[in-house]
Amino acid sequence: MDTNYFKTKLEEEKAKLEKELSLIAHRDPQNPDDWKTDPERLNVMVSDKNELSDVFEETTNKEALEQELEDSLNKIKDALQRIEDGTYGVCKEGCKIEEARLRANPSAETCIKHAESV
């Protein structure tokens, strides 16, 4: 298996996710591997309850998106670490992950058989 191919794919996806995250969040200065959602600018003079509700809804949506992107980023970082460790392409259950599966999802941690049981 050509791990250089997968390393390149993973690094490209990592850069893409970090760019997307930077649009809605920032790195935690005390923990650079963690991202924090940028707060919505809240006009304290807002008296319209609907407008205020919209702001809170947008914040909640942004936090959910940030978490989803960060989870994907962490899976990619884990896959890159497995490449460095020499364990990339090995299922959590010890068998080989199909190359077709890795091409479809380079950060896969399990083979197709064991993905169904997770």
Protein backbone atom coordinates (compact mmCIF):
# COMPACT_ATOMS: atom_id res chain seq x y z
CA MET A 1 0.00 0.00 0.00
CA ASP A 2 1.27 3.46 -0.92
CA THR A 3 1.04 5.31 2.39
CA ASN A 4 2.48 8.46 0.77
CA TYR A 5 -0.68 8.70 -1.33
CA PHE A 6 -2.87 8.47 1.78
CA LYS A 7 -0.65 10.85 3.75
CA THR A 8 -1.05 13.46 1.01
CA LYS A 9 -4.83 12.96 0.93
CA LEU A 10 -5.08 13.23 4.70
CA GLU A 11 -2.91 16.35 4.85
CA GLU A 12 -5.05 17.99 2.15
CA GLU A 13 -8.23 17.18 4.07
CA LYS A 14 -6.63 18.40 7.32
CA ALA A 15 -5.80 21.76 5.74
CA LYS A 16 -9.33 22.04 4.35
CA LEU A 17 -10.92 21.30 7.73
CA GLU A 18 -8.63 23.73 9.53
CA LYS A 19 -9.59 26.44 7.04
CA GLU A 20 -13.31 25.72 7.54
CA LEU A 21 -12.87 25.73 11.29
CA SER A 22 -11.04 29.07 11.20
CA LEU A 23 -14.15 30.65 9.68
CA ILE A 24 -16.28 29.88 12.75
CA ALA A 25 -13.80 29.17 15.55
CA HIS A 26 -10.30 29.77 16.86
CA ARG A 27 -7.66 27.59 18.46
CA ASP A 28 -7.67 27.54 22.23
CA PRO A 29 -4.41 29.30 23.22
CA GLN A 30 -4.02 26.98 26.21
CA ASN A 31 -4.65 23.85 24.12
CA PRO A 32 -3.81 24.40 20.41
CA ASP A 33 -5.37 21.04 19.47
CA ASP A 34 -8.76 22.28 20.69
CA TRP A 35 -11.01 24.74 18.86
CA LYS A 36 -13.47 27.16 20.44
CA THR A 37 -16.47 28.54 18.59
CA ASP A 38 -16.33 32.28 18.01
CA PRO A 39 -19.24 33.89 19.84
CA GLU A 40 -21.90 35.75 17.93
CA ARG A 41 -21.77 39.50 18.26
CA LEU A 42 -24.65 40.24 20.54
CA ASN A 43 -26.24 43.66 20.53
CA VAL A 44 -27.26 44.09 24.16
CA MET A 45 -29.76 46.70 23.12
CA VAL A 46 -31.83 44.15 21.23
CA SER A 47 -35.33 44.11 22.60
CA ASP A 48 -36.91 41.92 19.94
CA LYS A 49 -37.19 38.43 21.43
CA ASN A 50 -37.30 36.85 17.96
CA GLU A 51 -34.06 38.50 16.95
CA LEU A 52 -32.40 37.41 20.17
CA SER A 53 -33.70 33.89 19.66
CA ASP A 54 -32.21 33.86 16.15
CA VAL A 55 -28.81 34.80 17.56
CA PHE A 56 -28.93 31.98 20.09
CA GLU A 57 -30.04 29.51 17.42
CA GLU A 58 -27.19 30.57 15.14
CA THR A 59 -24.72 30.15 18.00
CA THR A 60 -26.01 26.65 18.71
CA ASN A 61 -25.78 25.71 15.01
CA LYS A 62 -22.25 27.08 14.82
CA GLU A 63 -21.18 25.12 17.90
CA ALA A 64 -22.57 21.89 16.42
CA LEU A 65 -20.76 22.49 13.13
CA GLU A 66 -17.53 23.29 14.96
CA GLN A 67 -17.76 20.05 16.91
CA GLU A 68 -18.43 18.02 13.75
CA LEU A 69 -15.47 19.60 11.93
CA GLU A 70 -13.20 19.16 14.94
CA ASP A 71 -14.18 15.49 15.26
CA SER A 72 -13.32 14.94 11.59
CA LEU A 73 -10.03 16.77 12.05
CA ASN A 74 -9.13 14.60 15.03
CA LYS A 75 -9.82 11.43 13.03
CA ILE A 76 -7.49 12.68 10.31
CA LYS A 77 -4.78 13.51 12.85
CA ASP A 78 -5.16 10.01 14.29
CA ALA A 79 -4.79 8.49 10.81
CA LEU A 80 -1.67 10.57 10.15
CA GLN A 81 -0.26 9.34 13.46
CA ARG A 82 -0.98 5.74 12.43
CA ILE A 83 1.02 6.36 9.25
CA GLU A 84 3.93 7.61 11.38
CA ASP A 85 3.59 4.62 13.73
CA GLY A 86 3.45 2.14 10.85
CA THR A 87 -0.01 0.90 11.82
CA TYR A 88 -1.99 2.64 9.07
CA GLY A 89 -4.29 0.26 7.24
CA VAL A 90 -4.63 -2.07 10.22
CA CYS A 91 -8.14 -2.45 11.63
CA LYS A 92 -8.74 -1.90 15.34
CA GLU A 93 -9.56 -5.61 15.43
CA GLY A 94 -6.13 -6.50 14.00
CA CYS A 95 -7.01 -7.38 10.41
CA LYS A 96 -6.17 -5.39 7.27
CA ILE A 97 -8.37 -2.50 6.15
CA GLU A 98 -9.33 -2.83 2.49
CA GLU A 99 -7.52 -0.35 0.25
CA ALA A 100 -10.81 0.53 -1.46
CA ARG A 101 -12.20 1.51 1.95
CA LEU A 102 -9.16 3.68 2.66
CA ARG A 103 -9.51 5.36 -0.73
CA ALA A 104 -13.13 6.16 0.10
CA ASN A 105 -12.34 7.17 3.70
CA PRO A 106 -8.60 7.63 4.35
CA SER A 107 -9.17 8.09 8.09
CA ALA A 108 -11.02 4.76 8.49
CA GLU A 109 -10.02 2.89 11.64
CA THR A 110 -11.74 -0.39 10.82
CA CYS A 111 -12.26 -2.74 7.92
CA ILE A 112 -15.69 -2.93 6.33
CA LYS A 113 -16.66 -6.02 8.34
CA HIS A 114 -15.83 -4.43 11.69
CA ALA A 115 -17.24 -1.03 10.75
CA GLU A 116 -20.68 -2.58 10.80
CA SER A 117 -20.20 -3.70 14.42
CA VAL A 118 -19.03 -0.29 15.67
